[in-house]
Amino acid sequence: MEKIYNHKNFDSAFEVDNYPWGFRLKTKVRYWIETTNRGDRFVKCTLNPKTNKWCKEKKSTYKAVMVMTKEVKDQKTFISYISISRGWSNAVDVAKFEHQVNKDLLSKEQLKEICACKAINETNSKVKVKFVNSTGWSKEQQVANDKEQAEINTKLAKYTNYVYGQCLVKNNLN
């Protein structure tokens, strides 16, 4: 599987010929990874062989970081992607992703997202969950619990921002 970088919009898209259109026709298709402030998403656009006009783009859901992949099987080209997600990709997944891609070819935004994933995973590794039955609590007990949870959330946010900042400095991304 080959990794494909620097296809960021329609004009710089990776183009594949001989893409099936229905049962008999063949056309072209373009693929790229769109990066926004919400993350990356995989985009595909086909050329209508009947009108010779490009169809509306089909966009995937956002992930923190995506890299396009190309695989050739039986003389057919298959384009896909590998990705990580904030809060959903564990530390092993992030490390595996980093090992698979060429970080020198990632954008600054993508590298920052990798740092964010690492910071979230580091913070989550310190979190302990406790289940309590709060159905019989008085109003005062609920208020005290809400105050305690707000303090915990503040500490978690500070720690996550600290780890994120350390990663940015370490990778010269600030």
N, C-alpha and C. Protein backbone atom coordinates (compact mmCIF):
# COMPACT_ATOMS: atom_id res chain seq x y z
N MET A 1 0.85 -1.18 0.00
CA MET A 1 0.00 0.00 0.00
C MET A 1 0.89 1.23 0.00
N GLU A 2 0.64 2.11 -0.92
CA GLU A 2 1.43 3.33 -1.06
C GLU A 2 0.66 4.51 -0.44
N LYS A 3 1.36 5.37 0.27
CA LYS A 3 0.76 6.58 0.84
C LYS A 3 0.86 7.70 -0.19
N ILE A 4 -0.18 8.50 -0.29
CA ILE A 4 -0.22 9.60 -1.26
C ILE A 4 -0.41 10.91 -0.50
N TYR A 5 0.45 11.86 -0.74
CA TYR A 5 0.42 13.14 -0.03
C TYR A 5 0.19 14.30 -1.02
N ASN A 6 -0.15 15.45 -0.48
CA ASN A 6 -0.22 16.72 -1.21
C ASN A 6 -1.30 16.77 -2.29
N HIS A 7 -2.39 16.07 -2.08
CA HIS A 7 -3.57 16.22 -2.93
C HIS A 7 -4.64 16.84 -2.03
N LYS A 8 -4.73 18.19 -2.10
CA LYS A 8 -5.48 18.94 -1.09
C LYS A 8 -6.78 19.55 -1.59
N ASN A 9 -6.98 19.59 -2.91
CA ASN A 9 -8.19 20.18 -3.46
C ASN A 9 -8.48 19.60 -4.83
N PHE A 10 -9.53 20.05 -5.46
CA PHE A 10 -9.95 19.52 -6.75
C PHE A 10 -8.84 19.63 -7.80
N ASP A 11 -8.19 20.79 -7.83
CA ASP A 11 -7.17 21.03 -8.86
C ASP A 11 -5.92 20.16 -8.68
N SER A 12 -5.57 19.83 -7.44
CA SER A 12 -4.38 19.01 -7.19
C SER A 12 -4.75 17.56 -6.88
N ALA A 13 -5.98 17.18 -7.16
CA ALA A 13 -6.49 15.86 -6.79
C ALA A 13 -5.76 14.73 -7.52
N PHE A 14 -5.80 13.56 -6.92
CA PHE A 14 -5.26 12.35 -7.54
C PHE A 14 -6.33 11.81 -8.47
N GLU A 15 -6.02 11.70 -9.75
CA GLU A 15 -7.01 11.30 -10.74
C GLU A 15 -6.80 9.86 -11.19
N VAL A 16 -7.90 9.13 -11.28
CA VAL A 16 -7.87 7.74 -11.73
C VAL A 16 -8.77 7.63 -12.97
N ASP A 17 -8.23 7.04 -14.04
CA ASP A 17 -9.00 6.81 -15.26
C ASP A 17 -9.69 5.45 -15.18
N ASN A 18 -10.59 5.20 -16.11
CA ASN A 18 -11.23 3.90 -16.25
C ASN A 18 -12.06 3.52 -15.01
N TYR A 19 -12.67 4.52 -14.37
CA TYR A 19 -13.54 4.30 -13.22
C TYR A 19 -14.93 3.92 -13.72
N PRO A 20 -15.54 2.88 -13.15
CA PRO A 20 -16.85 2.45 -13.69
C PRO A 20 -17.97 3.45 -13.43
N TRP A 21 -18.79 3.63 -14.46
CA TRP A 21 -19.99 4.47 -14.38
C TRP A 21 -21.14 3.61 -14.86
N GLY A 22 -21.93 3.12 -13.93
CA GLY A 22 -22.99 2.21 -14.29
C GLY A 22 -22.42 0.85 -14.69
N PHE A 23 -23.09 0.16 -15.61
CA PHE A 23 -22.66 -1.19 -16.01
C PHE A 23 -21.69 -1.17 -17.19
N ARG A 24 -21.78 -0.17 -18.07
CA ARG A 24 -21.00 -0.22 -19.30
C ARG A 24 -20.01 0.91 -19.47
N LEU A 25 -20.30 2.07 -18.95
CA LEU A 25 -19.46 3.24 -19.20
C LEU A 25 -18.29 3.31 -18.23
N LYS A 26 -17.24 3.99 -18.66
CA LYS A 26 -16.06 4.27 -17.83
C LYS A 26 -15.85 5.77 -17.81
N THR A 27 -15.25 6.26 -16.72
CA THR A 27 -15.04 7.70 -16.58
C THR A 27 -13.79 7.95 -15.74
N LYS A 28 -13.63 9.20 -15.31
CA LYS A 28 -12.52 9.59 -14.44
C LYS A 28 -13.06 9.90 -13.05
N VAL A 29 -12.21 9.74 -12.05
CA VAL A 29 -12.57 10.10 -10.69
C VAL A 29 -11.38 10.81 -10.06
N ARG A 30 -11.64 11.78 -9.22
CA ARG A 30 -10.59 12.52 -8.52
C ARG A 30 -10.78 12.35 -7.01
N TYR A 31 -9.66 12.21 -6.32
CA TYR A 31 -9.66 12.04 -4.86
C TYR A 31 -8.71 13.06 -4.24
N TRP A 32 -9.08 13.56 -3.06
CA TRP A 32 -8.18 14.40 -2.29
C TRP A 32 -8.59 14.40 -0.83
N ILE A 33 -7.68 14.89 0.01
CA ILE A 33 -7.94 15.06 1.44
C ILE A 33 -8.11 16.55 1.70
N GLU A 34 -9.29 16.94 2.16
CA GLU A 34 -9.59 18.34 2.45
C GLU A 34 -9.29 18.60 3.93
N THR A 35 -8.50 19.61 4.21
CA THR A 35 -8.17 19.98 5.58
C THR A 35 -8.85 21.30 5.93
N THR A 36 -9.63 21.28 7.02
CA THR A 36 -10.28 22.49 7.52
C THR A 36 -9.97 22.62 9.00
N ASN A 37 -10.54 23.62 9.64
CA ASN A 37 -10.32 23.77 11.09
C ASN A 37 -11.03 22.68 11.88
N ARG A 38 -11.87 21.87 11.23
CA ARG A 38 -12.55 20.75 11.90
C ARG A 38 -11.79 19.44 11.74
N GLY A 39 -10.74 19.44 10.93
CA GLY A 39 -9.95 18.23 10.69
C GLY A 39 -9.84 17.93 9.21
N ASP A 40 -9.60 16.66 8.89
CA ASP A 40 -9.45 16.22 7.51
C ASP A 40 -10.67 15.39 7.10
N ARG A 41 -10.97 15.43 5.80
CA ARG A 41 -11.97 14.50 5.28
C ARG A 41 -11.62 14.13 3.84
N PHE A 42 -12.00 12.92 3.49
CA PHE A 42 -11.73 12.33 2.19
C PHE A 42 -12.81 12.79 1.21
N VAL A 43 -12.38 13.25 0.04
CA VAL A 43 -13.33 13.78 -0.94
C VAL A 43 -13.14 13.04 -2.28
N LYS A 44 -14.25 12.73 -2.92
CA LYS A 44 -14.25 12.03 -4.20
C LYS A 44 -15.18 12.77 -5.16
N CYS A 45 -14.75 12.87 -6.42
CA CYS A 45 -15.57 13.56 -7.42
C CYS A 45 -15.42 12.82 -8.75
N THR A 46 -16.54 12.46 -9.37
CA THR A 46 -16.51 11.73 -10.64
C THR A 46 -16.92 12.64 -11.79
N LEU A 47 -16.44 12.29 -12.98
CA LEU A 47 -16.79 13.01 -14.20
C LEU A 47 -17.94 12.26 -14.86
N ASN A 48 -19.04 12.97 -15.12
CA ASN A 48 -20.18 12.36 -15.81
C ASN A 48 -19.78 12.16 -17.28
N PRO A 49 -19.68 10.90 -17.74
CA PRO A 49 -19.23 10.67 -19.12
C PRO A 49 -20.27 11.08 -20.18
N LYS A 50 -21.50 11.26 -19.78
CA LYS A 50 -22.55 11.65 -20.72
C LYS A 50 -22.53 13.16 -20.99
N THR A 51 -22.26 13.95 -19.93
CA THR A 51 -22.26 15.41 -20.07
C THR A 51 -20.86 16.00 -20.06
N ASN A 52 -19.89 15.20 -19.67
CA ASN A 52 -18.49 15.63 -19.54
C ASN A 52 -18.34 16.75 -18.49
N LYS A 53 -19.22 16.73 -17.46
CA LYS A 53 -19.14 17.70 -16.36
C LYS A 53 -18.87 16.94 -15.07
N TRP A 54 -18.14 17.60 -14.17
CA TRP A 54 -17.82 16.98 -12.88
C TRP A 54 -19.06 16.98 -11.99
N CYS A 55 -19.31 15.86 -11.35
CA CYS A 55 -20.45 15.72 -10.44
C CYS A 55 -20.16 16.42 -9.12
N LYS A 56 -21.15 16.47 -8.27
CA LYS A 56 -20.99 17.04 -6.94
C LYS A 56 -20.03 16.17 -6.12
N GLU A 57 -19.21 16.82 -5.32
CA GLU A 57 -18.23 16.11 -4.49
C GLU A 57 -18.92 15.28 -3.42
N LYS A 58 -18.36 14.12 -3.14
CA LYS A 58 -18.82 13.26 -2.05
C LYS A 58 -17.77 13.35 -0.95
N LYS A 59 -18.18 13.78 0.24
CA LYS A 59 -17.24 14.02 1.34
C LYS A 59 -17.52 13.07 2.50
N SER A 60 -16.44 12.54 3.08
CA SER A 60 -16.57 11.65 4.24
C SER A 60 -16.74 12.49 5.51
N THR A 61 -16.87 11.82 6.62
CA THR A 61 -16.93 12.51 7.90
C THR A 61 -15.52 12.94 8.30
N TYR A 62 -15.45 13.91 9.18
CA TYR A 62 -14.16 14.45 9.61
C TYR A 62 -13.41 13.47 10.52
N LYS A 63 -12.11 13.43 10.36
CA LYS A 63 -11.18 12.73 11.24
C LYS A 63 -10.12 13.74 11.63
N ALA A 64 -9.35 13.45 12.66
CA ALA A 64 -8.30 14.38 13.07
C ALA A 64 -7.25 14.51 11.98
N VAL A 65 -6.75 13.37 11.49
CA VAL A 65 -5.72 13.37 10.45
C VAL A 65 -6.01 12.20 9.50
N MET A 66 -5.86 12.48 8.21
CA MET A 66 -6.02 11.45 7.17
C MET A 66 -4.85 11.51 6.21
N VAL A 67 -4.49 10.34 5.69
CA VAL A 67 -3.51 10.24 4.61
C VAL A 67 -4.09 9.28 3.58
N MET A 68 -4.07 9.70 2.32
CA MET A 68 -4.61 8.88 1.25
C MET A 68 -3.69 7.69 0.97
N THR A 69 -4.30 6.57 0.59
CA THR A 69 -3.53 5.38 0.23
C THR A 69 -3.94 4.91 -1.16
N LYS A 70 -2.99 4.27 -1.83
CA LYS A 70 -3.23 3.72 -3.17
C LYS A 70 -2.79 2.27 -3.18
N GLU A 71 -3.65 1.42 -3.70
CA GLU A 71 -3.33 0.01 -3.82
C GLU A 71 -3.77 -0.46 -5.20
N VAL A 72 -2.91 -1.19 -5.89
CA VAL A 72 -3.23 -1.71 -7.20
C VAL A 72 -3.40 -3.22 -7.08
N LYS A 73 -4.59 -3.70 -7.49
CA LYS A 73 -4.91 -5.13 -7.48
C LYS A 73 -5.56 -5.47 -8.81
N ASP A 74 -5.08 -6.52 -9.45
CA ASP A 74 -5.64 -6.97 -10.72
C ASP A 74 -5.75 -5.83 -11.73
N GLN A 75 -4.72 -5.02 -11.81
CA GLN A 75 -4.64 -3.88 -12.72
C GLN A 75 -5.72 -2.83 -12.47
N LYS A 76 -6.26 -2.81 -11.25
CA LYS A 76 -7.24 -1.79 -10.85
C LYS A 76 -6.64 -0.99 -9.71
N THR A 77 -6.86 0.32 -9.72
CA THR A 77 -6.34 1.20 -8.69
C THR A 77 -7.43 1.47 -7.66
N PHE A 78 -7.11 1.21 -6.40
CA PHE A 78 -8.03 1.45 -5.30
C PHE A 78 -7.46 2.56 -4.42
N ILE A 79 -8.23 3.61 -4.23
CA ILE A 79 -7.83 4.74 -3.39
C ILE A 79 -8.65 4.71 -2.11
N SER A 80 -7.97 4.85 -0.98
CA SER A 80 -8.64 4.89 0.31
C SER A 80 -7.84 5.81 1.22
N TYR A 81 -7.95 5.62 2.53
CA TYR A 81 -7.18 6.45 3.45
C TYR A 81 -6.98 5.71 4.76
N ILE A 82 -5.98 6.17 5.49
CA ILE A 82 -5.79 5.76 6.88
C ILE A 82 -5.97 7.01 7.71
N SER A 83 -6.42 6.84 8.96
CA SER A 83 -6.73 8.04 9.75
C SER A 83 -6.67 7.76 11.24
N ILE A 84 -6.66 8.84 12.01
CA ILE A 84 -6.85 8.81 13.45
C ILE A 84 -7.89 9.84 13.82
N SER A 85 -8.55 9.64 14.97
CA SER A 85 -9.61 10.54 15.41
C SER A 85 -9.35 11.01 16.83
N ARG A 86 -9.70 12.25 17.09
CA ARG A 86 -9.59 12.81 18.45
C ARG A 86 -10.52 12.06 19.39
N GLY A 87 -9.96 11.58 20.49
CA GLY A 87 -10.77 10.94 21.51
C GLY A 87 -11.18 9.51 21.20
N TRP A 88 -11.04 9.06 19.96
CA TRP A 88 -11.44 7.71 19.59
C TRP A 88 -10.25 6.82 19.27
N SER A 89 -9.15 7.40 18.83
CA SER A 89 -7.95 6.61 18.53
C SER A 89 -7.10 6.55 19.79
N ASN A 90 -6.83 5.34 20.25
CA ASN A 90 -6.02 5.20 21.46
C ASN A 90 -4.54 5.44 21.16
N ALA A 91 -3.73 5.42 22.19
CA ALA A 91 -2.30 5.73 22.05
C ALA A 91 -1.61 4.77 21.08
N VAL A 92 -2.00 3.51 21.09
CA VAL A 92 -1.40 2.53 20.17
C VAL A 92 -1.76 2.87 18.72
N ASP A 93 -3.02 3.24 18.48
CA ASP A 93 -3.45 3.62 17.13
C ASP A 93 -2.69 4.85 16.62
N VAL A 94 -2.50 5.83 17.50
CA VAL A 94 -1.78 7.05 17.12
C VAL A 94 -0.33 6.72 16.80
N ALA A 95 0.31 5.92 17.63
CA ALA A 95 1.71 5.53 17.40
C ALA A 95 1.84 4.74 16.09
N LYS A 96 0.90 3.84 15.85
CA LYS A 96 0.92 3.04 14.61
C LYS A 96 0.76 3.95 13.39
N PHE A 97 -0.15 4.92 13.48
CA PHE A 97 -0.37 5.87 12.40
C PHE A 97 0.90 6.68 12.13
N GLU A 98 1.53 7.16 13.19
CA GLU A 98 2.76 7.94 13.04
C GLU A 98 3.86 7.12 12.38
N HIS A 99 3.91 5.85 12.71
CA HIS A 99 4.93 4.96 12.13
C HIS A 99 4.66 4.70 10.65
N GLN A 100 3.39 4.70 10.24
CA GLN A 100 3.00 4.40 8.86
C GLN A 100 3.21 5.56 7.90
N VAL A 101 3.12 6.79 8.40
CA VAL A 101 3.15 7.95 7.51
C VAL A 101 4.49 8.67 7.58
N ASN A 102 4.74 9.48 6.56
CA ASN A 102 5.93 10.33 6.52
C ASN A 102 5.53 11.69 7.11
N LYS A 103 5.93 11.92 8.37
CA LYS A 103 5.51 13.14 9.06
C LYS A 103 6.06 14.40 8.38
N ASP A 104 7.14 14.29 7.62
CA ASP A 104 7.69 15.44 6.91
C ASP A 104 6.75 15.93 5.81
N LEU A 105 5.85 15.06 5.35
CA LEU A 105 4.93 15.43 4.28
C LEU A 105 3.55 15.84 4.80
N LEU A 106 3.36 15.82 6.12
CA LEU A 106 2.10 16.27 6.70
C LEU A 106 2.13 17.78 6.89
N SER A 107 0.95 18.38 6.86
CA SER A 107 0.86 19.83 7.07
C SER A 107 1.02 20.15 8.56
N LYS A 108 1.24 21.41 8.84
CA LYS A 108 1.37 21.86 10.23
C LYS A 108 0.09 21.58 11.01
N GLU A 109 -1.06 21.79 10.36
CA GLU A 109 -2.36 21.52 11.01
C GLU A 109 -2.50 20.05 11.37
N GLN A 110 -2.06 19.17 10.47
CA GLN A 110 -2.15 17.74 10.73
C GLN A 110 -1.23 17.34 11.89
N LEU A 111 -0.04 17.90 11.93
CA LEU A 111 0.89 17.59 13.03
C LEU A 111 0.33 18.07 14.36
N LYS A 112 -0.34 19.22 14.35
CA LYS A 112 -0.97 19.72 15.57
C LYS A 112 -2.09 18.79 16.03
N GLU A 113 -2.84 18.24 15.08
CA GLU A 113 -3.92 17.30 15.42
C GLU A 113 -3.35 16.02 16.03
N ILE A 114 -2.20 15.58 15.56
CA ILE A 114 -1.55 14.41 16.16
C ILE A 114 -1.20 14.73 17.61
N CYS A 115 -0.68 15.92 17.86
CA CYS A 115 -0.38 16.34 19.23
C CYS A 115 -1.64 16.37 20.09
N ALA A 116 -2.76 16.84 19.52
CA ALA A 116 -4.02 16.88 20.26
C ALA A 116 -4.47 15.46 20.62
N CYS A 117 -4.35 14.54 19.68
CA CYS A 117 -4.73 13.13 19.96
C CYS A 117 -3.86 12.56 21.07
N LYS A 118 -2.57 12.85 21.03
CA LYS A 118 -1.65 12.36 22.07
C LYS A 118 -2.00 12.96 23.43
N ALA A 119 -2.33 14.26 23.46
CA ALA A 119 -2.67 14.92 24.72
C ALA A 119 -3.94 14.33 25.32
N ILE A 120 -4.92 14.10 24.49
CA ILE A 120 -6.18 13.51 24.97
C ILE A 120 -5.94 12.12 25.52
N ASN A 121 -5.15 11.32 24.80
CA ASN A 121 -4.85 9.96 25.28
C ASN A 121 -4.07 9.98 26.59
N GLU A 122 -3.12 10.89 26.72
CA GLU A 122 -2.34 11.00 27.96
C GLU A 122 -3.26 11.36 29.12
N THR A 123 -4.15 12.31 28.90
CA THR A 123 -5.09 12.71 29.95
C THR A 123 -6.03 11.57 30.30
N ASN A 124 -6.56 10.91 29.28
CA ASN A 124 -7.49 9.80 29.53
C ASN A 124 -6.84 8.65 30.29
N SER A 125 -5.52 8.50 30.14
CA SER A 125 -4.84 7.43 30.87
C SER A 125 -4.80 7.70 32.38
N LYS A 126 -5.01 8.94 32.77
CA LYS A 126 -5.00 9.33 34.19
C LYS A 126 -6.39 9.36 34.82
N VAL A 127 -7.42 9.24 33.99
CA VAL A 127 -8.80 9.37 34.46
C VAL A 127 -9.28 8.06 35.08
N LYS A 128 -9.94 8.19 36.23
CA LYS A 128 -10.59 7.05 36.88
C LYS A 128 -12.08 7.35 36.93
N VAL A 129 -12.87 6.35 36.60
CA VAL A 129 -14.32 6.52 36.57
C VAL A 129 -14.93 5.86 37.79
N LYS A 130 -15.85 6.59 38.42
CA LYS A 130 -16.55 6.06 39.59
C LYS A 130 -18.05 6.22 39.33
N PHE A 131 -18.80 5.14 39.51
CA PHE A 131 -20.24 5.17 39.32
C PHE A 131 -20.92 5.32 40.68
N VAL A 132 -21.85 6.26 40.75
CA VAL A 132 -22.61 6.47 41.98
C VAL A 132 -24.09 6.58 41.64
N ASN A 133 -24.91 6.16 42.57
CA ASN A 133 -26.35 6.29 42.41
C ASN A 133 -26.75 7.62 43.03
N SER A 134 -27.11 8.57 42.18
CA SER A 134 -27.43 9.91 42.66
C SER A 134 -28.94 10.18 42.69
N THR A 135 -29.74 9.17 42.50
CA THR A 135 -31.19 9.40 42.43
C THR A 135 -31.77 9.86 43.76
N GLY A 136 -31.16 9.48 44.88
CA GLY A 136 -31.70 9.87 46.18
C GLY A 136 -31.00 11.08 46.78
N TRP A 137 -30.18 11.77 46.02
CA TRP A 137 -29.43 12.90 46.56
C TRP A 137 -30.33 14.10 46.79
N SER A 138 -29.96 14.85 47.84
CA SER A 138 -30.65 16.11 48.10
C SER A 138 -30.10 17.17 47.13
N LYS A 139 -30.73 18.30 47.12
CA LYS A 139 -30.29 19.40 46.26
C LYS A 139 -28.87 19.84 46.62
N GLU A 140 -28.55 19.87 47.92
CA GLU A 140 -27.22 20.27 48.36
C GLU A 140 -26.16 19.27 47.90
N GLN A 141 -26.49 17.98 47.97
CA GLN A 141 -25.54 16.96 47.51
C GLN A 141 -25.30 17.07 46.00
N GLN A 142 -26.35 17.36 45.25
CA GLN A 142 -26.21 17.52 43.80
C GLN A 142 -25.34 18.73 43.47
N VAL A 143 -25.55 19.84 44.18
CA VAL A 143 -24.76 21.05 43.96
C VAL A 143 -23.30 20.80 44.30
N ALA A 144 -23.04 20.10 45.42
CA ALA A 144 -21.67 19.79 45.83
C ALA A 144 -21.00 18.89 44.79
N ASN A 145 -21.73 17.91 44.29
CA ASN A 145 -21.17 17.01 43.26
C ASN A 145 -20.87 17.78 41.98
N ASP A 146 -21.79 18.66 41.56
CA ASP A 146 -21.58 19.45 40.35
C ASP A 146 -20.34 20.34 40.48
N LYS A 147 -20.14 20.92 41.68
CA LYS A 147 -18.98 21.76 41.93
C LYS A 147 -17.69 20.93 41.85
N GLU A 148 -17.72 19.74 42.44
CA GLU A 148 -16.55 18.86 42.40
C GLU A 148 -16.24 18.44 40.96
N GLN A 149 -17.26 18.13 40.19
CA GLN A 149 -17.05 17.73 38.80
C GLN A 149 -16.49 18.88 37.96
N ALA A 150 -16.94 20.09 38.23
CA ALA A 150 -16.42 21.26 37.51
C ALA A 150 -14.93 21.46 37.82
N GLU A 151 -14.55 21.25 39.08
CA GLU A 151 -13.13 21.37 39.46
C GLU A 151 -12.29 20.29 38.77
N ILE A 152 -12.81 19.09 38.72
CA ILE A 152 -12.10 18.00 38.05
C ILE A 152 -11.95 18.30 36.55
N ASN A 153 -13.02 18.77 35.93
CA ASN A 153 -12.96 19.11 34.50
C ASN A 153 -11.94 20.20 34.22
N THR A 154 -11.85 21.19 35.11
CA THR A 154 -10.87 22.26 34.96
C THR A 154 -9.45 21.70 35.04
N LYS A 155 -9.20 20.81 36.00
CA LYS A 155 -7.87 20.19 36.13
C LYS A 155 -7.53 19.35 34.90
N LEU A 156 -8.51 18.59 34.41
CA LEU A 156 -8.27 17.78 33.22
C LEU A 156 -7.95 18.65 32.00
N ALA A 157 -8.68 19.74 31.85
CA ALA A 157 -8.44 20.65 30.72
C ALA A 157 -7.06 21.27 30.81
N LYS A 158 -6.66 21.68 32.02
CA LYS A 158 -5.33 22.28 32.21
C LYS A 158 -4.23 21.27 31.88
N TYR A 159 -4.40 20.04 32.33
CA TYR A 159 -3.40 19.01 32.08
C TYR A 159 -3.32 18.69 30.58
N THR A 160 -4.48 18.57 29.94
CA THR A 160 -4.50 18.29 28.49
C THR A 160 -3.81 19.41 27.73
N ASN A 161 -4.09 20.66 28.08
CA ASN A 161 -3.45 21.80 27.42
C ASN A 161 -1.95 21.82 27.66
N TYR A 162 -1.54 21.42 28.87
CA TYR A 162 -0.11 21.36 29.19
C TYR A 162 0.59 20.32 28.31
N VAL A 163 0.02 19.12 28.23
CA VAL A 163 0.61 18.05 27.41
C VAL A 163 0.62 18.45 25.94
N TYR A 164 -0.46 19.06 25.48
CA TYR A 164 -0.55 19.53 24.10
C TYR A 164 0.54 20.57 23.82
N GLY A 165 0.70 21.52 24.72
CA GLY A 165 1.72 22.55 24.56
C GLY A 165 3.12 21.96 24.52
N GLN A 166 3.38 20.96 25.37
CA GLN A 166 4.68 20.28 25.37
C GLN A 166 4.95 19.63 24.02
N CYS A 167 3.95 19.00 23.45
CA CYS A 167 4.08 18.34 22.15
C CYS A 167 4.34 19.37 21.05
N LEU A 168 3.64 20.51 21.10
CA LEU A 168 3.85 21.54 20.10
C LEU A 168 5.29 22.07 20.16
N VAL A 169 5.80 22.30 21.38
CA VAL A 169 7.17 22.79 21.53
C VAL A 169 8.17 21.75 21.05
N LYS A 170 7.95 20.50 21.45
CA LYS A 170 8.86 19.40 21.08
C LYS A 170 8.96 19.27 19.56
N ASN A 171 7.84 19.47 18.87
CA ASN A 171 7.80 19.31 17.41
C ASN A 171 7.92 20.63 16.65
N ASN A 172 8.25 21.70 17.38
CA ASN A 172 8.45 23.03 16.79
C ASN A 172 7.23 23.50 15.99
N LEU A 173 6.04 23.38 16.60
CA LEU A 173 4.80 23.73 15.94
C LEU A 173 4.12 24.96 16.53
N ASN A 174 4.72 25.60 17.50
CA ASN A 174 4.06 26.73 18.17
C ASN A 174 4.14 28.00 17.38
